[in-house]
Amino acid sequence: MDIQRDLSKLGLMLGDPEKYAEDMGYFKGKPEAVVIARGVEDVRKTLEIAREKAIKVTPWGKGTSVTGAAITNGGILIDLSNMNKILEFSDEDWTIHVEAGVVLDDINKFLKPRGFFFPPDPASSFMCSVGGATSEGSGGMHCVKYGTMKDWVLAVKVVLPNGEVVKIGEPLQKTELVTI
């Protein structure tokens, strides 16, 4: 089975598996194929073929993990780092809609002139992606006061193993006023 050939036939951009053989924690592995996703449709196509051929898929953000979370032996590794756009910001609702490959510091560079900041600040915030930081539950020095990624991600768009795209959650922060 030549998974790279099958992925290429779908018009997916392929990467060099050697480039993805190690993360920042020095965990090692080697994917059978690498898809460089340019958008949700590339993720959908990849997951559909992986399901059809019973091949595991591992997401890759920026490779800054020190836990081995982005490393795989065999299977398909899907690089989400090109999905790096800030899509929408609402200063009225205090929400920002970004793709998985956006670097955390880029969010804060965008928010600062608008009078806002995104509190999770892991040591790798200058190079880690939203997707990776979310999957790892990253926090940083501000987490004692403001919480970790789980406290700030209100909604996600995910591609299920069958290729279906679903939205989970709502970009609505609920607060309760307490009067004593």
N, C-alpha and C. Protein backbone atom coordinates (compact mmCIF):
# COMPACT_ATOMS: atom_id res chain seq x y z
N MET A 1 0.85 -1.18 0.00
CA MET A 1 0.00 0.00 0.00
C MET A 1 0.90 1.24 0.00
N ASP A 2 0.69 2.11 -0.99
CA ASP A 2 1.49 3.33 -1.07
C ASP A 2 0.60 4.52 -0.71
N ILE A 3 0.58 4.84 0.55
CA ILE A 3 -0.31 5.89 1.04
C ILE A 3 0.07 7.26 0.46
N GLN A 4 1.36 7.50 0.24
CA GLN A 4 1.76 8.79 -0.33
C GLN A 4 1.15 8.98 -1.71
N ARG A 5 1.15 7.93 -2.53
CA ARG A 5 0.56 8.01 -3.86
C ARG A 5 -0.93 8.32 -3.76
N ASP A 6 -1.62 7.62 -2.85
CA ASP A 6 -3.06 7.83 -2.68
C ASP A 6 -3.37 9.26 -2.22
N LEU A 7 -2.58 9.78 -1.31
CA LEU A 7 -2.78 11.16 -0.82
C LEU A 7 -2.49 12.17 -1.93
N SER A 8 -1.46 11.92 -2.71
CA SER A 8 -1.09 12.81 -3.81
C SER A 8 -2.21 12.88 -4.85
N LYS A 9 -2.86 11.75 -5.12
CA LYS A 9 -3.96 11.70 -6.09
C LYS A 9 -5.11 12.61 -5.68
N LEU A 10 -5.24 12.85 -4.36
CA LEU A 10 -6.31 13.71 -3.85
C LEU A 10 -5.95 15.19 -3.94
N GLY A 11 -4.76 15.50 -4.45
CA GLY A 11 -4.33 16.89 -4.57
C GLY A 11 -3.78 17.47 -3.28
N LEU A 12 -3.44 16.60 -2.33
CA LEU A 12 -2.90 17.06 -1.05
C LEU A 12 -1.41 17.35 -1.18
N MET A 13 -0.96 18.39 -0.46
CA MET A 13 0.45 18.73 -0.45
C MET A 13 1.16 17.80 0.53
N LEU A 14 2.22 17.16 0.07
CA LEU A 14 2.94 16.21 0.91
C LEU A 14 4.24 16.81 1.40
N GLY A 15 4.66 16.38 2.59
CA GLY A 15 5.91 16.84 3.18
C GLY A 15 6.89 15.69 3.33
N ASP A 16 8.11 16.01 3.72
CA ASP A 16 9.17 15.04 3.91
C ASP A 16 9.06 14.44 5.30
N PRO A 17 8.82 13.13 5.41
CA PRO A 17 8.69 12.50 6.73
C PRO A 17 9.91 12.69 7.63
N GLU A 18 11.09 12.83 7.07
CA GLU A 18 12.31 13.03 7.87
C GLU A 18 12.23 14.31 8.69
N LYS A 19 11.59 15.34 8.14
CA LYS A 19 11.47 16.64 8.83
C LYS A 19 10.62 16.53 10.10
N TYR A 20 9.78 15.51 10.16
CA TYR A 20 8.84 15.36 11.27
C TYR A 20 9.20 14.19 12.18
N ALA A 21 10.45 13.79 12.18
CA ALA A 21 10.89 12.60 12.92
C ALA A 21 11.25 12.90 14.37
N GLU A 22 11.24 14.18 14.79
CA GLU A 22 11.63 14.51 16.16
C GLU A 22 10.94 15.80 16.59
N ASP A 23 10.53 15.84 17.87
CA ASP A 23 9.94 17.08 18.40
C ASP A 23 10.95 17.75 19.34
N MET A 24 10.54 18.81 20.00
CA MET A 24 11.47 19.54 20.87
C MET A 24 11.82 18.78 22.13
N GLY A 25 11.10 17.73 22.44
CA GLY A 25 11.42 16.88 23.59
C GLY A 25 12.35 15.74 23.20
N TYR A 26 12.79 15.77 21.95
CA TYR A 26 13.71 14.76 21.39
C TYR A 26 13.09 13.38 21.31
N PHE A 27 11.76 13.32 21.29
CA PHE A 27 11.09 12.07 21.02
C PHE A 27 11.22 11.80 19.53
N LYS A 28 11.42 10.56 19.15
CA LYS A 28 11.67 10.22 17.76
C LYS A 28 10.63 9.24 17.22
N GLY A 29 10.36 9.36 15.96
CA GLY A 29 9.46 8.48 15.24
C GLY A 29 9.57 8.82 13.77
N LYS A 30 8.84 8.11 12.93
CA LYS A 30 8.86 8.44 11.51
C LYS A 30 7.51 8.10 10.89
N PRO A 31 6.79 9.13 10.45
CA PRO A 31 5.51 8.87 9.80
C PRO A 31 5.73 8.22 8.44
N GLU A 32 4.72 7.48 8.02
CA GLU A 32 4.76 6.88 6.68
C GLU A 32 4.54 7.95 5.62
N ALA A 33 3.70 8.94 5.94
CA ALA A 33 3.40 10.03 5.02
C ALA A 33 3.11 11.28 5.82
N VAL A 34 3.35 12.43 5.19
CA VAL A 34 3.06 13.73 5.81
C VAL A 34 2.18 14.53 4.86
N VAL A 35 1.05 15.02 5.37
CA VAL A 35 0.18 15.92 4.62
C VAL A 35 0.34 17.30 5.23
N ILE A 36 0.60 18.29 4.39
CA ILE A 36 0.69 19.68 4.85
C ILE A 36 -0.66 20.32 4.52
N ALA A 37 -1.51 20.42 5.53
CA ALA A 37 -2.88 20.91 5.34
C ALA A 37 -2.88 22.41 5.04
N ARG A 38 -3.67 22.77 4.04
CA ARG A 38 -3.84 24.19 3.70
C ARG A 38 -5.18 24.71 4.17
N GLY A 39 -6.03 23.80 4.66
CA GLY A 39 -7.35 24.19 5.13
C GLY A 39 -8.12 22.97 5.61
N VAL A 40 -9.33 23.22 6.06
CA VAL A 40 -10.18 22.16 6.61
C VAL A 40 -10.43 21.06 5.58
N GLU A 41 -10.57 21.42 4.33
CA GLU A 41 -10.83 20.42 3.29
C GLU A 41 -9.68 19.42 3.17
N ASP A 42 -8.44 19.88 3.31
CA ASP A 42 -7.30 18.96 3.28
C ASP A 42 -7.33 18.00 4.47
N VAL A 43 -7.72 18.52 5.62
CA VAL A 43 -7.84 17.67 6.82
C VAL A 43 -8.94 16.63 6.59
N ARG A 44 -10.05 17.07 6.04
CA ARG A 44 -11.18 16.17 5.78
C ARG A 44 -10.77 15.04 4.83
N LYS A 45 -10.14 15.39 3.73
CA LYS A 45 -9.70 14.38 2.76
C LYS A 45 -8.72 13.39 3.39
N THR A 46 -7.80 13.91 4.18
CA THR A 46 -6.80 13.05 4.83
C THR A 46 -7.46 12.05 5.76
N LEU A 47 -8.40 12.54 6.58
CA LEU A 47 -9.06 11.64 7.53
C LEU A 47 -9.96 10.62 6.83
N GLU A 48 -10.56 11.01 5.73
CA GLU A 48 -11.38 10.05 4.99
C GLU A 48 -10.54 8.89 4.46
N ILE A 49 -9.40 9.21 3.85
CA ILE A 49 -8.55 8.15 3.30
C ILE A 49 -7.91 7.32 4.42
N ALA A 50 -7.57 7.96 5.52
CA ALA A 50 -6.99 7.24 6.65
C ALA A 50 -8.00 6.24 7.22
N ARG A 51 -9.23 6.66 7.30
CA ARG A 51 -10.28 5.76 7.81
C ARG A 51 -10.50 4.60 6.84
N GLU A 52 -10.57 4.93 5.57
CA GLU A 52 -10.79 3.91 4.54
C GLU A 52 -9.69 2.84 4.57
N LYS A 53 -8.45 3.26 4.83
CA LYS A 53 -7.31 2.34 4.81
C LYS A 53 -6.87 1.91 6.22
N ALA A 54 -7.63 2.32 7.23
CA ALA A 54 -7.33 1.97 8.63
C ALA A 54 -5.91 2.37 9.03
N ILE A 55 -5.56 3.63 8.75
CA ILE A 55 -4.24 4.18 9.06
C ILE A 55 -4.40 5.26 10.13
N LYS A 56 -3.54 5.23 11.14
CA LYS A 56 -3.62 6.25 12.19
C LYS A 56 -3.16 7.61 11.65
N VAL A 57 -3.68 8.67 12.28
CA VAL A 57 -3.32 10.05 11.91
C VAL A 57 -2.89 10.78 13.17
N THR A 58 -1.79 11.52 13.06
CA THR A 58 -1.27 12.31 14.18
C THR A 58 -1.18 13.77 13.74
N PRO A 59 -1.79 14.69 14.50
CA PRO A 59 -1.67 16.12 14.15
C PRO A 59 -0.32 16.68 14.58
N TRP A 60 0.16 17.66 13.84
CA TRP A 60 1.42 18.36 14.11
C TRP A 60 1.12 19.85 14.04
N GLY A 61 1.44 20.58 15.09
CA GLY A 61 1.24 22.03 15.08
C GLY A 61 2.51 22.73 14.63
N LYS A 62 3.43 22.93 15.55
CA LYS A 62 4.72 23.53 15.24
C LYS A 62 5.87 22.63 15.68
N GLY A 63 5.54 21.50 16.28
CA GLY A 63 6.58 20.58 16.72
C GLY A 63 7.25 20.99 18.01
N THR A 64 6.60 21.85 18.79
CA THR A 64 7.21 22.36 20.02
C THR A 64 6.91 21.49 21.23
N SER A 65 6.16 20.43 21.05
CA SER A 65 5.82 19.54 22.16
C SER A 65 7.08 18.94 22.77
N VAL A 66 7.08 18.83 24.08
CA VAL A 66 8.17 18.14 24.78
C VAL A 66 7.65 16.85 25.41
N THR A 67 6.45 16.44 24.97
CA THR A 67 5.83 15.24 25.54
C THR A 67 5.74 14.09 24.54
N GLY A 68 6.17 14.32 23.30
CA GLY A 68 6.07 13.29 22.28
C GLY A 68 4.70 13.22 21.63
N ALA A 69 3.82 14.16 21.94
CA ALA A 69 2.44 14.13 21.46
C ALA A 69 2.33 14.22 19.94
N ALA A 70 3.28 14.84 19.28
CA ALA A 70 3.20 15.03 17.83
C ALA A 70 4.04 14.03 17.05
N ILE A 71 4.56 13.04 17.71
CA ILE A 71 5.44 12.07 17.06
C ILE A 71 4.67 10.78 16.79
N THR A 72 4.94 10.18 15.64
CA THR A 72 4.29 8.92 15.30
C THR A 72 5.29 7.99 14.62
N ASN A 73 5.10 6.72 14.81
CA ASN A 73 5.81 5.71 14.04
C ASN A 73 4.79 5.13 13.08
N GLY A 74 4.99 5.37 11.79
CA GLY A 74 4.03 4.95 10.78
C GLY A 74 2.85 5.90 10.74
N GLY A 75 1.87 5.56 9.97
CA GLY A 75 0.68 6.39 9.86
C GLY A 75 0.92 7.68 9.10
N ILE A 76 -0.10 8.51 9.15
CA ILE A 76 -0.05 9.81 8.48
C ILE A 76 0.10 10.90 9.53
N LEU A 77 1.03 11.79 9.33
CA LEU A 77 1.16 12.97 10.17
C LEU A 77 0.57 14.11 9.37
N ILE A 78 -0.31 14.89 9.99
CA ILE A 78 -0.91 16.03 9.29
C ILE A 78 -0.44 17.33 9.93
N ASP A 79 0.31 18.09 9.15
CA ASP A 79 0.90 19.34 9.60
C ASP A 79 -0.12 20.46 9.41
N LEU A 80 -0.52 21.08 10.52
CA LEU A 80 -1.54 22.14 10.51
C LEU A 80 -0.95 23.54 10.55
N SER A 81 0.38 23.65 10.48
CA SER A 81 1.03 24.94 10.68
C SER A 81 0.71 25.98 9.60
N ASN A 82 0.31 25.55 8.41
CA ASN A 82 -0.07 26.51 7.37
C ASN A 82 -1.48 27.05 7.56
N MET A 83 -2.22 26.46 8.47
CA MET A 83 -3.56 26.97 8.78
C MET A 83 -3.38 28.01 9.89
N ASN A 84 -2.83 29.16 9.51
CA ASN A 84 -2.34 30.13 10.49
C ASN A 84 -2.97 31.52 10.36
N LYS A 85 -4.24 31.54 10.07
CA LYS A 85 -4.92 32.83 9.90
C LYS A 85 -5.76 33.20 11.12
N ILE A 86 -5.76 34.48 11.42
CA ILE A 86 -6.72 35.03 12.37
C ILE A 86 -7.93 35.38 11.52
N LEU A 87 -9.05 34.73 11.78
CA LEU A 87 -10.21 34.83 10.91
C LEU A 87 -11.18 35.94 11.30
N GLU A 88 -11.33 36.15 12.60
CA GLU A 88 -12.33 37.12 13.05
C GLU A 88 -12.03 37.55 14.48
N PHE A 89 -12.35 38.80 14.77
CA PHE A 89 -12.20 39.31 16.13
C PHE A 89 -13.41 40.17 16.46
N SER A 90 -13.94 40.01 17.66
CA SER A 90 -15.05 40.84 18.12
C SER A 90 -14.67 41.50 19.43
N ASP A 91 -14.46 42.81 19.39
CA ASP A 91 -14.16 43.52 20.64
C ASP A 91 -15.44 43.70 21.47
N GLU A 92 -16.58 43.46 20.86
CA GLU A 92 -17.85 43.53 21.57
C GLU A 92 -18.08 42.27 22.40
N ASP A 93 -17.80 41.10 21.80
CA ASP A 93 -17.98 39.82 22.50
C ASP A 93 -16.70 39.32 23.16
N TRP A 94 -15.60 40.00 22.90
CA TRP A 94 -14.29 39.60 23.43
C TRP A 94 -13.90 38.20 22.96
N THR A 95 -14.12 37.94 21.68
CA THR A 95 -13.75 36.64 21.12
C THR A 95 -12.87 36.83 19.89
N ILE A 96 -12.04 35.83 19.65
CA ILE A 96 -11.19 35.80 18.46
C ILE A 96 -11.30 34.41 17.86
N HIS A 97 -11.43 34.34 16.56
CA HIS A 97 -11.58 33.08 15.83
C HIS A 97 -10.30 32.89 15.01
N VAL A 98 -9.58 31.82 15.31
CA VAL A 98 -8.29 31.57 14.64
C VAL A 98 -8.22 30.13 14.14
N GLU A 99 -7.29 29.90 13.21
CA GLU A 99 -7.03 28.54 12.75
C GLU A 99 -6.02 27.88 13.69
N ALA A 100 -5.93 26.57 13.62
CA ALA A 100 -5.11 25.78 14.54
C ALA A 100 -3.62 26.10 14.49
N GLY A 101 -3.12 26.58 13.37
CA GLY A 101 -1.69 26.83 13.22
C GLY A 101 -1.22 28.21 13.64
N VAL A 102 -2.11 29.05 14.15
CA VAL A 102 -1.72 30.40 14.57
C VAL A 102 -0.82 30.30 15.81
N VAL A 103 0.27 31.04 15.79
CA VAL A 103 1.21 31.07 16.92
C VAL A 103 0.61 31.95 18.02
N LEU A 104 0.73 31.50 19.27
CA LEU A 104 0.13 32.25 20.39
C LEU A 104 0.59 33.70 20.45
N ASP A 105 1.89 33.95 20.29
CA ASP A 105 2.36 35.34 20.34
C ASP A 105 1.76 36.19 19.22
N ASP A 106 1.44 35.58 18.08
CA ASP A 106 0.81 36.34 16.99
C ASP A 106 -0.59 36.79 17.39
N ILE A 107 -1.26 35.99 18.19
CA ILE A 107 -2.58 36.41 18.70
C ILE A 107 -2.41 37.66 19.56
N ASN A 108 -1.42 37.63 20.45
CA ASN A 108 -1.22 38.78 21.33
C ASN A 108 -0.73 40.01 20.57
N LYS A 109 0.06 39.83 19.53
CA LYS A 109 0.47 40.98 18.69
C LYS A 109 -0.75 41.61 18.02
N PHE A 110 -1.69 40.77 17.63
CA PHE A 110 -2.93 41.24 17.02
C PHE A 110 -3.81 41.95 18.05
N LEU A 111 -3.90 41.38 19.25
CA LEU A 111 -4.82 41.89 20.27
C LEU A 111 -4.31 43.14 20.99
N LYS A 112 -3.01 43.27 21.18
CA LYS A 112 -2.45 44.37 21.99
C LYS A 112 -2.93 45.75 21.56
N PRO A 113 -2.84 46.11 20.27
CA PRO A 113 -3.32 47.45 19.89
C PRO A 113 -4.82 47.66 20.09
N ARG A 114 -5.54 46.57 20.30
CA ARG A 114 -6.98 46.64 20.51
C ARG A 114 -7.33 46.64 22.00
N GLY A 115 -6.30 46.60 22.86
CA GLY A 115 -6.50 46.66 24.30
C GLY A 115 -6.81 45.33 24.95
N PHE A 116 -6.47 44.22 24.29
CA PHE A 116 -6.74 42.89 24.82
C PHE A 116 -5.46 42.07 24.85
N PHE A 117 -5.54 40.93 25.55
CA PHE A 117 -4.45 39.95 25.48
C PHE A 117 -5.02 38.56 25.71
N PHE A 118 -4.29 37.56 25.22
CA PHE A 118 -4.67 36.16 25.38
C PHE A 118 -3.79 35.59 26.47
N PRO A 119 -4.33 35.27 27.66
CA PRO A 119 -3.52 34.94 28.82
C PRO A 119 -2.61 33.71 28.76
N PRO A 120 -3.04 32.56 28.19
CA PRO A 120 -2.12 31.43 28.22
C PRO A 120 -0.77 31.79 27.58
N ASP A 121 0.30 31.57 28.32
CA ASP A 121 1.62 31.99 27.85
C ASP A 121 2.69 30.94 28.18
N PRO A 122 2.59 29.76 27.57
CA PRO A 122 3.63 28.77 27.82
C PRO A 122 4.99 29.32 27.38
N ALA A 123 6.05 28.73 27.89
CA ALA A 123 7.40 29.20 27.55
C ALA A 123 7.64 29.22 26.04
N SER A 124 6.93 28.38 25.31
CA SER A 124 7.11 28.30 23.86
C SER A 124 6.11 29.18 23.10
N SER A 125 5.46 30.13 23.76
CA SER A 125 4.39 30.91 23.12
C SER A 125 4.86 31.68 21.89
N PHE A 126 6.15 31.92 21.78
CA PHE A 126 6.68 32.63 20.61
C PHE A 126 6.72 31.73 19.37
N MET A 127 6.51 30.42 19.57
CA MET A 127 6.56 29.53 18.42
C MET A 127 5.51 28.42 18.44
N CYS A 128 4.76 28.24 19.52
CA CYS A 128 3.79 27.14 19.55
C CYS A 128 2.46 27.59 18.94
N SER A 129 1.72 26.61 18.45
CA SER A 129 0.44 26.91 17.79
C SER A 129 -0.74 26.75 18.73
N VAL A 130 -1.84 27.36 18.36
CA VAL A 130 -3.07 27.26 19.13
C VAL A 130 -3.52 25.80 19.24
N GLY A 131 -3.46 25.07 18.13
CA GLY A 131 -3.88 23.68 18.14
C GLY A 131 -3.05 22.84 19.10
N GLY A 132 -1.74 22.99 19.04
CA GLY A 132 -0.86 22.25 19.93
C GLY A 132 -1.04 22.65 21.38
N ALA A 133 -1.13 23.96 21.63
CA ALA A 133 -1.30 24.45 23.01
C ALA A 133 -2.64 23.98 23.58
N THR A 134 -3.66 23.91 22.74
CA THR A 134 -4.97 23.43 23.20
C THR A 134 -4.91 21.95 23.52
N SER A 135 -4.30 21.17 22.63
CA SER A 135 -4.25 19.73 22.87
C SER A 135 -3.38 19.36 24.07
N GLU A 136 -2.41 20.20 24.38
CA GLU A 136 -1.53 19.94 25.53
C GLU A 136 -2.03 20.60 26.82
N GLY A 137 -3.08 21.41 26.72
CA GLY A 137 -3.60 22.09 27.91
C GLY A 137 -2.62 23.10 28.47
N SER A 138 -1.92 23.81 27.60
CA SER A 138 -0.86 24.72 28.00
C SER A 138 -1.36 25.86 28.88
N GLY A 139 -0.44 26.38 29.69
CA GLY A 139 -0.78 27.47 30.59
C GLY A 139 0.27 28.56 30.62
N GLY A 140 1.32 28.35 31.37
CA GLY A 140 2.36 29.36 31.52
C GLY A 140 2.21 30.13 32.82
N MET A 141 2.99 31.20 32.94
CA MET A 141 3.04 31.97 34.18
C MET A 141 1.70 32.62 34.55
N HIS A 142 0.91 32.99 33.56
CA HIS A 142 -0.38 33.64 33.84
C HIS A 142 -1.46 32.66 34.29
N CYS A 143 -1.19 31.36 34.21
CA CYS A 143 -2.27 30.40 34.46
C CYS A 143 -2.78 30.42 35.91
N VAL A 144 -1.95 30.84 36.84
CA VAL A 144 -2.40 30.89 38.23
C VAL A 144 -3.56 31.88 38.37
N LYS A 145 -3.46 32.98 37.69
CA LYS A 145 -4.51 34.00 37.77
C LYS A 145 -5.61 33.80 36.73
N TYR A 146 -5.21 33.41 35.50
CA TYR A 146 -6.17 33.40 34.40
C TYR A 146 -6.59 32.02 33.89
N GLY A 147 -5.89 30.96 34.29
CA GLY A 147 -6.23 29.63 33.81
C GLY A 147 -5.41 29.22 32.59
N THR A 148 -5.69 28.02 32.11
CA THR A 148 -4.95 27.45 30.99
C THR A 148 -5.81 27.51 29.72
N MET A 149 -5.35 26.88 28.67
CA MET A 149 -6.06 26.91 27.39
C MET A 149 -7.51 26.45 27.53
N LYS A 150 -7.76 25.45 28.37
CA LYS A 150 -9.13 24.94 28.52
C LYS A 150 -10.10 26.02 29.01
N ASP A 151 -9.56 27.04 29.69
CA ASP A 151 -10.40 28.11 30.19
C ASP A 151 -10.67 29.19 29.14
N TRP A 152 -9.94 29.16 28.03
CA TRP A 152 -10.03 30.22 27.04
C TRP A 152 -10.53 29.77 25.68
N VAL A 153 -10.55 28.48 25.42
CA VAL A 153 -11.07 27.98 24.15
C VAL A 153 -12.55 27.68 24.35
N LEU A 154 -13.39 28.46 23.70
CA LEU A 154 -14.83 28.35 23.90
C LEU A 154 -15.50 27.45 22.88
N ALA A 155 -14.90 27.33 21.69
CA ALA A 155 -15.49 26.52 20.62
C ALA A 155 -14.37 26.04 19.71
N VAL A 156 -14.58 24.89 19.11
CA VAL A 156 -13.62 24.36 18.13
C VAL A 156 -14.39 23.77 16.95
N LYS A 157 -13.76 23.85 15.80
CA LYS A 157 -14.26 23.16 14.61
C LYS A 157 -13.34 21.97 14.44
N VAL A 158 -13.92 20.78 14.39
CA VAL A 158 -13.11 19.56 14.27
C VAL A 158 -13.59 18.73 13.08
N VAL A 159 -12.66 17.95 12.57
CA VAL A 159 -12.99 16.99 11.52
C VAL A 159 -12.99 15.62 12.18
N LEU A 160 -14.12 14.96 12.11
CA LEU A 160 -14.26 13.62 12.69
C LEU A 160 -13.59 12.59 11.79
N PRO A 161 -13.30 11.41 12.32
CA PRO A 161 -12.63 10.39 11.52
C PRO A 161 -13.34 10.03 10.21
N ASN A 162 -14.65 10.22 10.15
CA ASN A 162 -15.39 9.92 8.92
C ASN A 162 -15.37 11.08 7.92
N GLY A 163 -14.67 12.17 8.27
CA GLY A 163 -14.57 13.32 7.38
C GLY A 163 -15.60 14.39 7.63
N GLU A 164 -16.54 14.15 8.53
CA GLU A 164 -17.56 15.14 8.84
C GLU A 164 -16.95 16.28 9.65
N VAL A 165 -17.28 17.51 9.28
CA VAL A 165 -16.80 18.70 9.98
C VAL A 165 -17.89 19.16 10.94
N VAL A 166 -17.54 19.28 12.23
CA VAL A 166 -18.51 19.71 13.23
C VAL A 166 -17.93 20.83 14.09
N LYS A 167 -18.82 21.62 14.62
CA LYS A 167 -18.44 22.68 15.55
C LYS A 167 -18.90 22.26 16.94
N ILE A 168 -17.99 22.37 17.89
CA ILE A 168 -18.30 22.00 19.27
C ILE A 168 -18.13 23.25 20.14
N GLY A 169 -19.12 23.56 20.93
CA GLY A 169 -19.06 24.74 21.78
C GLY A 169 -19.62 25.96 21.08
N GLU A 170 -19.61 27.06 21.79
CA GLU A 170 -20.10 28.33 21.27
C GLU A 170 -19.15 29.44 21.73
N PRO A 171 -18.85 30.37 20.85
CA PRO A 171 -17.98 31.48 21.26
C PRO A 171 -18.74 32.50 22.08
N LEU A 172 -19.24 32.04 23.21
CA LEU A 172 -20.03 32.89 24.10
C LEU A 172 -19.55 32.67 25.52
N GLN A 173 -19.01 33.69 26.09
CA GLN A 173 -18.52 33.62 27.46
C GLN A 173 -19.69 33.90 28.39
N LYS A 174 -20.01 32.96 29.24
CA LYS A 174 -21.11 33.16 30.18
C LYS A 174 -20.53 33.61 31.52
N THR A 175 -21.08 34.66 32.05
CA THR A 175 -20.65 35.14 33.36
C THR A 175 -21.87 35.34 34.24
N GLU A 176 -21.65 35.28 35.50
CA GLU A 176 -22.74 35.44 36.45
C GLU A 176 -22.41 36.61 37.37
N LEU A 177 -23.32 37.53 37.49
CA LEU A 177 -23.12 38.64 38.41
C LEU A 177 -23.69 38.24 39.78
N VAL A 178 -22.89 38.42 40.78
CA VAL A 178 -23.33 38.08 42.13
C VAL A 178 -23.39 39.36 42.94
N THR A 179 -24.52 39.60 43.55
CA THR A 179 -24.70 40.78 44.40
C THR A 179 -24.81 40.32 45.85
N ILE A 180 -24.04 40.95 46.71
CA ILE A 180 -24.08 40.60 48.13
C ILE A 180 -24.64 41.75 48.92
